Amino acid sequence: MKKKTYLISFFILFTFNLFAQSKMLTGNKHLIMLNIPKNWVQEVNDQIPFLIKPAEKDVSDNTYMYVYGLDYQSSPDMDLWIEGNSTSLKNEIPKIKIGELNLKFENLKKDNFLTGRYKAVSYIYPDFKEEVLLVIESKTTIITAVLSAKDNAEFNKYLDSFKELVNSLKINAATVTYK
């Protein structure tokens, strides 16, 4: 019976990932399901397990999106995480401009895993590269979703794709062990 359950689960997961550009990202304490926005494709990257770029010609290497989960032993604090990240960036790039974007997402409400707290931080670099870093707090994990673009024009062009990506997120607790 267990073997049959595993086979059915594998088939469902395989089908989920094969069709509809849906992906599942796992960490030791989290499971993130998402849909890749239309006209975006996943790229292979050694540092970031899930990185996507527009499926267009002549797109800058600075234009991409990614989603990443960082697990912690105790409950992480989103505000402290953002403060540490921003301070580090300011130390490395003193002329960076840091602000907030007012983005609302109905799918990031408080539940058994999510705390309902999230914040979109904007970064404008001295070379005009523009980013939004959405930081999502859960009971054990900080989830980040990022849109990076070479300039304000590309940023505005792809902001709706970023919203589409974030609106597709389904974030759950998980206990994943690797053997």
N, C-alpha and C. Protein backbone atom coordinates (compact mmCIF):
# COMPACT_ATOMS: atom_id res chain seq x y z
N MET A 1 0.82 -1.19 0.00
CA MET A 1 0.00 0.00 0.00
C MET A 1 0.87 1.26 0.00
N LYS A 2 1.97 1.26 0.82
CA LYS A 2 2.86 2.41 0.86
C LYS A 2 3.50 2.66 -0.49
N LYS A 3 3.86 1.57 -1.18
CA LYS A 3 4.50 1.70 -2.47
C LYS A 3 3.56 2.37 -3.47
N LYS A 4 2.30 2.00 -3.41
CA LYS A 4 1.30 2.59 -4.30
C LYS A 4 1.12 4.08 -3.99
N THR A 5 1.10 4.44 -2.72
CA THR A 5 0.97 5.84 -2.31
C THR A 5 2.16 6.65 -2.81
N TYR A 6 3.37 6.11 -2.68
CA TYR A 6 4.56 6.80 -3.17
C TYR A 6 4.51 6.99 -4.68
N LEU A 7 4.09 5.97 -5.40
CA LEU A 7 3.99 6.07 -6.85
C LEU A 7 2.97 7.12 -7.27
N ILE A 8 1.84 7.17 -6.61
CA ILE A 8 0.82 8.16 -6.93
C ILE A 8 1.35 9.56 -6.61
N SER A 9 2.00 9.72 -5.45
CA SER A 9 2.57 11.01 -5.08
C SER A 9 3.61 11.46 -6.09
N PHE A 10 4.48 10.54 -6.49
CA PHE A 10 5.50 10.86 -7.48
C PHE A 10 4.87 11.29 -8.79
N PHE A 11 3.86 10.58 -9.24
CA PHE A 11 3.18 10.91 -10.49
C PHE A 11 2.55 12.30 -10.41
N ILE A 12 1.92 12.61 -9.30
CA ILE A 12 1.28 13.93 -9.13
C ILE A 12 2.34 15.03 -9.16
N LEU A 13 3.44 14.83 -8.42
CA LEU A 13 4.51 15.82 -8.41
C LEU A 13 5.15 15.97 -9.78
N PHE A 14 5.37 14.87 -10.47
CA PHE A 14 5.96 14.90 -11.80
C PHE A 14 5.05 15.66 -12.75
N THR A 15 3.75 15.36 -12.71
CA THR A 15 2.79 16.03 -13.57
C THR A 15 2.72 17.51 -13.23
N PHE A 16 2.73 17.83 -11.94
CA PHE A 16 2.69 19.22 -11.47
C PHE A 16 3.85 20.01 -12.05
N ASN A 17 5.04 19.42 -12.06
CA ASN A 17 6.23 20.11 -12.55
C ASN A 17 6.37 20.08 -14.07
N LEU A 18 5.77 19.11 -14.73
CA LEU A 18 5.91 18.98 -16.18
C LEU A 18 5.03 19.97 -16.92
N PHE A 19 3.81 20.11 -16.50
CA PHE A 19 2.86 20.97 -17.19
C PHE A 19 2.74 22.30 -16.45
N ALA A 20 2.24 23.30 -17.13
CA ALA A 20 1.84 24.57 -16.53
C ALA A 20 2.96 25.34 -15.85
N GLN A 21 4.18 25.11 -16.18
CA GLN A 21 5.32 25.82 -15.61
C GLN A 21 5.21 26.00 -14.10
N SER A 22 4.79 24.98 -13.42
CA SER A 22 4.71 25.00 -11.96
C SER A 22 5.97 24.39 -11.38
N LYS A 23 6.39 24.92 -10.26
CA LYS A 23 7.61 24.42 -9.61
C LYS A 23 7.37 24.26 -8.12
N MET A 24 8.16 23.38 -7.52
CA MET A 24 8.13 23.16 -6.09
C MET A 24 9.55 23.33 -5.57
N LEU A 25 9.70 24.21 -4.57
CA LEU A 25 11.00 24.45 -3.95
C LEU A 25 10.93 23.95 -2.52
N THR A 26 11.94 23.22 -2.10
CA THR A 26 11.92 22.67 -0.74
C THR A 26 13.15 23.09 0.04
N GLY A 27 12.95 23.18 1.33
CA GLY A 27 14.03 23.39 2.29
C GLY A 27 13.78 22.43 3.43
N ASN A 28 14.62 22.44 4.43
CA ASN A 28 14.43 21.53 5.56
C ASN A 28 13.12 21.77 6.29
N LYS A 29 12.64 23.04 6.29
CA LYS A 29 11.45 23.38 7.06
C LYS A 29 10.35 24.04 6.24
N HIS A 30 10.49 24.09 4.92
CA HIS A 30 9.49 24.76 4.11
C HIS A 30 9.29 24.07 2.76
N LEU A 31 8.12 24.33 2.21
CA LEU A 31 7.75 23.86 0.87
C LEU A 31 7.08 25.04 0.17
N ILE A 32 7.62 25.44 -0.97
CA ILE A 32 7.08 26.56 -1.74
C ILE A 32 6.65 26.04 -3.10
N MET A 33 5.39 26.27 -3.43
CA MET A 33 4.90 25.94 -4.77
C MET A 33 4.60 27.25 -5.47
N LEU A 34 4.93 27.32 -6.76
CA LEU A 34 4.74 28.56 -7.51
C LEU A 34 4.55 28.25 -8.98
N ASN A 35 4.06 29.24 -9.70
CA ASN A 35 3.94 29.16 -11.15
C ASN A 35 4.88 30.17 -11.78
N ILE A 36 5.60 29.75 -12.78
CA ILE A 36 6.47 30.67 -13.52
C ILE A 36 5.57 31.55 -14.39
N PRO A 37 5.74 32.87 -14.32
CA PRO A 37 4.90 33.76 -15.13
C PRO A 37 5.06 33.49 -16.63
N LYS A 38 4.05 33.90 -17.37
CA LYS A 38 4.08 33.76 -18.83
C LYS A 38 5.28 34.50 -19.38
N ASN A 39 5.91 33.91 -20.38
CA ASN A 39 7.05 34.48 -21.08
C ASN A 39 8.31 34.61 -20.22
N TRP A 40 8.41 33.77 -19.20
CA TRP A 40 9.62 33.67 -18.39
C TRP A 40 10.08 32.22 -18.43
N VAL A 41 11.38 31.99 -18.33
CA VAL A 41 11.94 30.64 -18.36
C VAL A 41 12.95 30.48 -17.23
N GLN A 42 13.03 29.25 -16.74
CA GLN A 42 13.99 28.97 -15.67
C GLN A 42 15.38 28.84 -16.24
N GLU A 43 16.35 29.41 -15.52
CA GLU A 43 17.75 29.35 -15.89
C GLU A 43 18.50 28.48 -14.89
N VAL A 44 19.53 27.82 -15.34
CA VAL A 44 20.38 27.06 -14.44
C VAL A 44 21.34 28.04 -13.78
N ASN A 45 21.45 27.94 -12.44
CA ASN A 45 22.31 28.83 -11.69
C ASN A 45 22.88 28.05 -10.50
N ASP A 46 24.19 28.11 -10.32
CA ASP A 46 24.84 27.36 -9.25
C ASP A 46 24.53 27.92 -7.86
N GLN A 47 24.26 29.22 -7.76
CA GLN A 47 24.08 29.85 -6.45
C GLN A 47 22.62 29.94 -6.02
N ILE A 48 21.71 30.08 -6.98
CA ILE A 48 20.29 30.24 -6.67
C ILE A 48 19.53 29.10 -7.33
N PRO A 49 18.90 28.23 -6.54
CA PRO A 49 18.23 27.05 -7.12
C PRO A 49 17.07 27.38 -8.06
N PHE A 50 16.38 28.50 -7.83
CA PHE A 50 15.26 28.87 -8.69
C PHE A 50 15.44 30.29 -9.19
N LEU A 51 15.87 30.43 -10.43
CA LEU A 51 16.11 31.72 -11.06
C LEU A 51 15.41 31.71 -12.41
N ILE A 52 14.64 32.76 -12.71
CA ILE A 52 13.96 32.84 -14.00
C ILE A 52 14.30 34.17 -14.68
N LYS A 53 14.25 34.13 -16.03
CA LYS A 53 14.54 35.31 -16.84
C LYS A 53 13.46 35.44 -17.90
N PRO A 54 13.26 36.66 -18.41
CA PRO A 54 12.29 36.83 -19.50
C PRO A 54 12.72 36.04 -20.73
N ALA A 55 11.75 35.43 -21.39
CA ALA A 55 12.03 34.65 -22.61
C ALA A 55 12.00 35.60 -23.81
N GLU A 56 12.91 36.56 -23.79
CA GLU A 56 13.00 37.57 -24.84
C GLU A 56 14.46 37.75 -25.24
N LYS A 57 14.66 38.26 -26.44
CA LYS A 57 16.02 38.57 -26.88
C LYS A 57 16.44 39.91 -26.28
N ASP A 58 17.73 40.11 -26.21
CA ASP A 58 18.30 41.38 -25.75
C ASP A 58 17.87 41.80 -24.36
N VAL A 59 17.75 40.83 -23.44
CA VAL A 59 17.45 41.14 -22.05
C VAL A 59 18.76 41.15 -21.28
N SER A 60 18.92 42.15 -20.46
CA SER A 60 20.13 42.32 -19.67
C SER A 60 20.34 41.14 -18.72
N ASP A 61 21.59 40.84 -18.41
CA ASP A 61 21.90 39.83 -17.39
C ASP A 61 21.44 40.28 -16.01
N ASN A 62 21.21 41.59 -15.84
CA ASN A 62 20.74 42.12 -14.56
C ASN A 62 19.23 42.01 -14.40
N THR A 63 18.54 41.41 -15.36
CA THR A 63 17.08 41.29 -15.29
C THR A 63 16.72 39.83 -15.04
N TYR A 64 16.15 39.57 -13.86
CA TYR A 64 15.78 38.21 -13.46
C TYR A 64 14.87 38.28 -12.25
N MET A 65 14.29 37.13 -11.90
CA MET A 65 13.54 36.99 -10.66
C MET A 65 13.97 35.68 -10.01
N TYR A 66 13.85 35.63 -8.69
CA TYR A 66 14.08 34.38 -7.99
C TYR A 66 13.27 34.34 -6.71
N VAL A 67 13.08 33.11 -6.22
CA VAL A 67 12.42 32.86 -4.93
C VAL A 67 13.34 31.95 -4.15
N TYR A 68 13.49 32.24 -2.84
CA TYR A 68 14.44 31.48 -2.03
C TYR A 68 13.93 31.43 -0.59
N GLY A 69 14.11 30.32 0.07
CA GLY A 69 13.72 30.17 1.48
C GLY A 69 14.94 29.93 2.35
N LEU A 70 15.00 30.65 3.47
CA LEU A 70 16.11 30.53 4.43
C LEU A 70 15.54 30.04 5.75
N ASP A 71 15.86 28.80 6.12
CA ASP A 71 15.35 28.21 7.36
C ASP A 71 16.19 28.62 8.56
N TYR A 72 15.53 28.74 9.72
CA TYR A 72 16.18 29.12 10.97
C TYR A 72 15.79 28.16 12.08
N GLN A 73 16.64 28.05 13.10
CA GLN A 73 16.36 27.19 14.25
C GLN A 73 15.24 27.77 15.12
N SER A 74 15.18 29.10 15.22
CA SER A 74 14.13 29.76 15.99
C SER A 74 13.34 30.68 15.06
N SER A 75 12.26 31.24 15.56
CA SER A 75 11.41 32.10 14.73
C SER A 75 12.18 33.32 14.25
N PRO A 76 12.29 33.50 12.94
CA PRO A 76 13.01 34.66 12.43
C PRO A 76 12.17 35.94 12.54
N ASP A 77 12.83 37.08 12.61
CA ASP A 77 12.16 38.37 12.65
C ASP A 77 12.43 39.09 11.33
N MET A 78 11.38 39.31 10.58
CA MET A 78 11.48 39.94 9.26
C MET A 78 12.16 41.31 9.34
N ASP A 79 11.78 42.13 10.30
CA ASP A 79 12.33 43.49 10.39
C ASP A 79 13.83 43.46 10.68
N LEU A 80 14.27 42.58 11.58
CA LEU A 80 15.70 42.46 11.85
C LEU A 80 16.45 41.93 10.63
N TRP A 81 15.84 41.00 9.90
CA TRP A 81 16.46 40.44 8.70
C TRP A 81 16.65 41.55 7.67
N ILE A 82 15.60 42.35 7.44
CA ILE A 82 15.68 43.45 6.47
C ILE A 82 16.73 44.47 6.91
N GLU A 83 16.74 44.81 8.19
CA GLU A 83 17.71 45.77 8.71
C GLU A 83 19.14 45.28 8.48
N GLY A 84 19.40 44.01 8.76
CA GLY A 84 20.74 43.45 8.54
C GLY A 84 21.11 43.45 7.07
N ASN A 85 20.18 43.08 6.21
CA ASN A 85 20.44 43.05 4.77
C ASN A 85 20.71 44.47 4.24
N SER A 86 19.89 45.43 4.66
CA SER A 86 20.04 46.81 4.19
C SER A 86 21.33 47.44 4.69
N THR A 87 21.68 47.18 5.95
CA THR A 87 22.92 47.71 6.52
C THR A 87 24.13 47.15 5.77
N SER A 88 24.09 45.86 5.46
CA SER A 88 25.18 45.24 4.72
C SER A 88 25.32 45.86 3.33
N LEU A 89 24.19 46.07 2.65
CA LEU A 89 24.24 46.69 1.32
C LEU A 89 24.77 48.12 1.39
N LYS A 90 24.31 48.88 2.39
CA LYS A 90 24.77 50.27 2.55
C LYS A 90 26.27 50.33 2.81
N ASN A 91 26.80 49.36 3.56
CA ASN A 91 28.24 49.30 3.83
C ASN A 91 29.01 48.98 2.55
N GLU A 92 28.47 48.09 1.73
CA GLU A 92 29.14 47.70 0.48
C GLU A 92 28.97 48.74 -0.62
N ILE A 93 27.78 49.36 -0.68
CA ILE A 93 27.45 50.30 -1.75
C ILE A 93 26.84 51.55 -1.09
N PRO A 94 27.67 52.47 -0.62
CA PRO A 94 27.16 53.63 0.13
C PRO A 94 26.12 54.47 -0.61
N LYS A 95 26.17 54.52 -1.93
CA LYS A 95 25.24 55.37 -2.69
C LYS A 95 23.93 54.67 -3.08
N ILE A 96 23.71 53.45 -2.59
CA ILE A 96 22.46 52.75 -2.90
C ILE A 96 21.29 53.47 -2.23
N LYS A 97 20.16 53.53 -2.94
CA LYS A 97 18.94 54.12 -2.37
C LYS A 97 18.01 52.99 -1.95
N ILE A 98 17.59 53.01 -0.70
CA ILE A 98 16.74 51.95 -0.15
C ILE A 98 15.41 52.56 0.27
N GLY A 99 14.33 51.92 -0.17
CA GLY A 99 12.99 52.40 0.17
C GLY A 99 12.03 51.24 0.31
N GLU A 100 10.75 51.53 0.28
CA GLU A 100 9.72 50.49 0.36
C GLU A 100 8.73 50.66 -0.78
N LEU A 101 8.20 49.56 -1.25
CA LEU A 101 7.11 49.57 -2.22
C LEU A 101 5.86 49.09 -1.51
N ASN A 102 4.75 49.68 -1.82
CA ASN A 102 3.48 49.30 -1.21
C ASN A 102 2.81 48.24 -2.09
N LEU A 103 3.15 46.99 -1.85
CA LEU A 103 2.57 45.88 -2.60
C LEU A 103 1.72 45.04 -1.65
N LYS A 104 0.54 44.65 -2.09
CA LYS A 104 -0.38 43.84 -1.28
C LYS A 104 -0.61 42.50 -1.97
N PHE A 105 -0.59 41.43 -1.17
CA PHE A 105 -0.79 40.07 -1.69
C PHE A 105 -1.75 39.32 -0.79
N GLU A 106 -2.87 38.91 -1.32
CA GLU A 106 -3.90 38.21 -0.55
C GLU A 106 -3.45 36.81 -0.12
N ASN A 107 -2.55 36.21 -0.87
CA ASN A 107 -2.12 34.84 -0.58
C ASN A 107 -1.08 34.75 0.54
N LEU A 108 -0.67 35.86 1.10
CA LEU A 108 0.36 35.85 2.15
C LEU A 108 -0.22 36.14 3.53
N LYS A 109 -1.49 35.82 3.71
CA LYS A 109 -2.16 36.04 4.99
C LYS A 109 -1.65 35.05 6.05
N LYS A 110 -1.89 35.40 7.30
CA LYS A 110 -1.51 34.54 8.42
C LYS A 110 -2.25 33.21 8.33
N ASP A 111 -1.50 32.12 8.57
CA ASP A 111 -2.08 30.78 8.62
C ASP A 111 -1.26 29.95 9.61
N ASN A 112 -1.28 28.65 9.48
CA ASN A 112 -0.54 27.79 10.41
C ASN A 112 0.98 27.93 10.29
N PHE A 113 1.46 28.48 9.16
CA PHE A 113 2.90 28.60 8.94
C PHE A 113 3.32 30.06 8.75
N LEU A 114 2.60 30.79 7.91
CA LEU A 114 2.92 32.19 7.66
C LEU A 114 2.45 33.06 8.82
N THR A 115 3.22 34.10 9.13
CA THR A 115 2.82 35.02 10.20
C THR A 115 1.92 36.14 9.67
N GLY A 116 1.82 36.26 8.34
CA GLY A 116 1.05 37.34 7.74
C GLY A 116 1.86 38.61 7.56
N ARG A 117 3.14 38.57 7.98
CA ARG A 117 4.01 39.74 7.85
C ARG A 117 4.90 39.61 6.62
N TYR A 118 4.88 40.65 5.78
CA TYR A 118 5.77 40.72 4.63
C TYR A 118 6.01 42.18 4.29
N LYS A 119 7.12 42.42 3.62
CA LYS A 119 7.47 43.79 3.25
C LYS A 119 8.25 43.77 1.94
N ALA A 120 7.96 44.75 1.08
CA ALA A 120 8.68 44.90 -0.18
C ALA A 120 9.67 46.05 -0.05
N VAL A 121 10.95 45.73 -0.15
CA VAL A 121 12.02 46.72 -0.04
C VAL A 121 12.56 47.00 -1.43
N SER A 122 12.71 48.28 -1.75
CA SER A 122 13.24 48.64 -3.08
C SER A 122 14.68 49.11 -2.96
N TYR A 123 15.45 48.79 -3.99
CA TYR A 123 16.86 49.17 -4.06
C TYR A 123 17.12 49.80 -5.43
N ILE A 124 17.73 50.97 -5.41
CA ILE A 124 18.19 51.59 -6.66
C ILE A 124 19.70 51.79 -6.51
N TYR A 125 20.44 51.11 -7.38
CA TYR A 125 21.90 51.12 -7.32
C TYR A 125 22.46 52.33 -8.07
N PRO A 126 23.71 52.72 -7.79
CA PRO A 126 24.31 53.88 -8.47
C PRO A 126 24.34 53.72 -10.01
N ASP A 127 24.38 52.48 -10.51
CA ASP A 127 24.38 52.25 -11.96
C ASP A 127 22.96 52.16 -12.52
N PHE A 128 21.95 52.53 -11.71
CA PHE A 128 20.53 52.56 -12.06
C PHE A 128 19.85 51.21 -12.07
N LYS A 129 20.58 50.14 -11.73
CA LYS A 129 19.94 48.84 -11.55
C LYS A 129 18.89 49.00 -10.45
N GLU A 130 17.72 48.37 -10.65
CA GLU A 130 16.62 48.52 -9.70
C GLU A 130 16.11 47.14 -9.28
N GLU A 131 15.82 46.99 -7.98
CA GLU A 131 15.34 45.72 -7.45
C GLU A 131 14.21 45.94 -6.46
N VAL A 132 13.37 44.92 -6.36
CA VAL A 132 12.45 44.83 -5.24
C VAL A 132 12.72 43.49 -4.57
N LEU A 133 12.86 43.52 -3.26
CA LEU A 133 13.07 42.33 -2.45
C LEU A 133 11.84 42.19 -1.56
N LEU A 134 11.03 41.18 -1.82
CA LEU A 134 9.88 40.90 -0.97
C LEU A 134 10.32 39.90 0.08
N VAL A 135 10.19 40.29 1.35
CA VAL A 135 10.60 39.45 2.46
C VAL A 135 9.32 38.96 3.15
N ILE A 136 9.16 37.65 3.23
CA ILE A 136 7.96 37.03 3.80
C ILE A 136 8.39 36.27 5.05
N GLU A 137 7.72 36.53 6.15
CA GLU A 137 8.06 35.89 7.43
C GLU A 137 7.14 34.70 7.69
N SER A 138 7.74 33.61 8.13
CA SER A 138 6.96 32.45 8.59
C SER A 138 7.49 32.06 9.97
N LYS A 139 6.95 30.99 10.52
CA LYS A 139 7.36 30.57 11.87
C LYS A 139 8.80 30.08 11.93
N THR A 140 9.32 29.56 10.80
CA THR A 140 10.68 29.01 10.82
C THR A 140 11.55 29.47 9.66
N THR A 141 10.99 30.23 8.74
CA THR A 141 11.68 30.52 7.48
C THR A 141 11.44 31.96 7.05
N ILE A 142 12.47 32.57 6.47
CA ILE A 142 12.32 33.82 5.74
C ILE A 142 12.31 33.44 4.26
N ILE A 143 11.24 33.81 3.58
CA ILE A 143 11.12 33.54 2.15
C ILE A 143 11.35 34.86 1.44
N THR A 144 12.19 34.85 0.41
CA THR A 144 12.44 36.06 -0.37
C THR A 144 12.03 35.83 -1.82
N ALA A 145 11.45 36.86 -2.39
CA ALA A 145 11.16 36.89 -3.82
C ALA A 145 11.76 38.18 -4.35
N VAL A 146 12.50 38.11 -5.43
CA VAL A 146 13.25 39.26 -5.93
C VAL A 146 12.96 39.47 -7.41
N LEU A 147 12.75 40.73 -7.77
CA LEU A 147 12.79 41.18 -9.16
C LEU A 147 13.97 42.12 -9.28
N SER A 148 14.86 41.83 -10.20
CA SER A 148 16.01 42.68 -10.47
C SER A 148 15.94 43.09 -11.94
N ALA A 149 16.22 44.36 -12.22
CA ALA A 149 16.19 44.86 -13.60
C ALA A 149 17.33 45.85 -13.82
N LYS A 150 17.76 45.96 -15.06
CA LYS A 150 18.92 46.81 -15.36
C LYS A 150 18.64 48.28 -15.13
N ASP A 151 17.36 48.70 -15.21
CA ASP A 151 17.01 50.10 -15.02
C ASP A 151 15.53 50.23 -14.70
N ASN A 152 15.06 51.46 -14.49
CA ASN A 152 13.68 51.69 -14.12
C ASN A 152 12.70 51.26 -15.21
N ALA A 153 13.04 51.45 -16.47
CA ALA A 153 12.15 51.06 -17.56
C ALA A 153 11.90 49.55 -17.55
N GLU A 154 12.97 48.77 -17.43
CA GLU A 154 12.79 47.31 -17.37
C GLU A 154 12.10 46.89 -16.08
N PHE A 155 12.40 47.57 -14.99
CA PHE A 155 11.75 47.26 -13.72
C PHE A 155 10.23 47.41 -13.86
N ASN A 156 9.80 48.54 -14.38
CA ASN A 156 8.36 48.78 -14.56
C ASN A 156 7.74 47.81 -15.56
N LYS A 157 8.50 47.45 -16.59
CA LYS A 157 8.00 46.51 -17.60
C LYS A 157 7.69 45.15 -16.97
N TYR A 158 8.53 44.71 -16.02
CA TYR A 158 8.40 43.36 -15.47
C TYR A 158 7.76 43.30 -14.07
N LEU A 159 7.35 44.44 -13.52
CA LEU A 159 6.75 44.44 -12.19
C LEU A 159 5.46 43.61 -12.14
N ASP A 160 4.65 43.64 -13.20
CA ASP A 160 3.44 42.81 -13.22
C ASP A 160 3.77 41.32 -13.21
N SER A 161 4.85 40.94 -13.87
CA SER A 161 5.29 39.53 -13.84
C SER A 161 5.70 39.13 -12.43
N PHE A 162 6.36 40.05 -11.72
CA PHE A 162 6.74 39.80 -10.34
C PHE A 162 5.49 39.58 -9.48
N LYS A 163 4.49 40.44 -9.65
CA LYS A 163 3.24 40.29 -8.90
C LYS A 163 2.57 38.96 -9.24
N GLU A 164 2.61 38.57 -10.51
CA GLU A 164 2.04 37.28 -10.93
C GLU A 164 2.76 36.13 -10.23
N LEU A 165 4.08 36.21 -10.18
CA LEU A 165 4.88 35.18 -9.50
C LEU A 165 4.50 35.10 -8.02
N VAL A 166 4.49 36.23 -7.34
CA VAL A 166 4.21 36.24 -5.89
C VAL A 166 2.77 35.79 -5.62
N ASN A 167 1.82 36.21 -6.45
CA ASN A 167 0.44 35.79 -6.26
C ASN A 167 0.25 34.28 -6.42
N SER A 168 1.18 33.62 -7.11
CA SER A 168 1.08 32.17 -7.29
C SER A 168 1.69 31.38 -6.13
N LEU A 169 2.42 32.05 -5.24
CA LEU A 169 3.11 31.35 -4.15
C LEU A 169 2.14 30.65 -3.21
N LYS A 170 2.47 29.41 -2.90
CA LYS A 170 1.80 28.66 -1.85
C LYS A 170 2.92 28.16 -0.94
N ILE A 171 2.92 28.63 0.30
CA ILE A 171 4.03 28.37 1.21
C ILE A 171 3.53 27.56 2.38
N ASN A 172 4.19 26.44 2.66
CA ASN A 172 3.78 25.55 3.74
C ASN A 172 4.98 25.11 4.57
N ALA A 173 4.68 24.68 5.79
CA ALA A 173 5.71 24.06 6.63
C ALA A 173 5.99 22.67 6.08
N ALA A 174 7.19 22.21 6.28
CA ALA A 174 7.56 20.87 5.85
C ALA A 174 8.70 20.37 6.74
N THR A 175 8.81 19.08 6.83
CA THR A 175 9.95 18.48 7.47
C THR A 175 10.63 17.62 6.42
N VAL A 176 11.70 18.18 5.86
CA VAL A 176 12.40 17.50 4.79
C VAL A 176 13.76 17.06 5.32
N THR A 177 14.06 15.80 5.15
CA THR A 177 15.37 15.29 5.54
C THR A 177 16.06 14.74 4.30
N TYR A 178 17.33 15.01 4.19
CA TYR A 178 18.12 14.53 3.05
C TYR A 178 19.00 13.39 3.53
N LYS A 179 19.04 12.33 2.75
CA LYS A 179 19.87 11.19 3.11
C LYS A 179 21.03 11.06 2.19
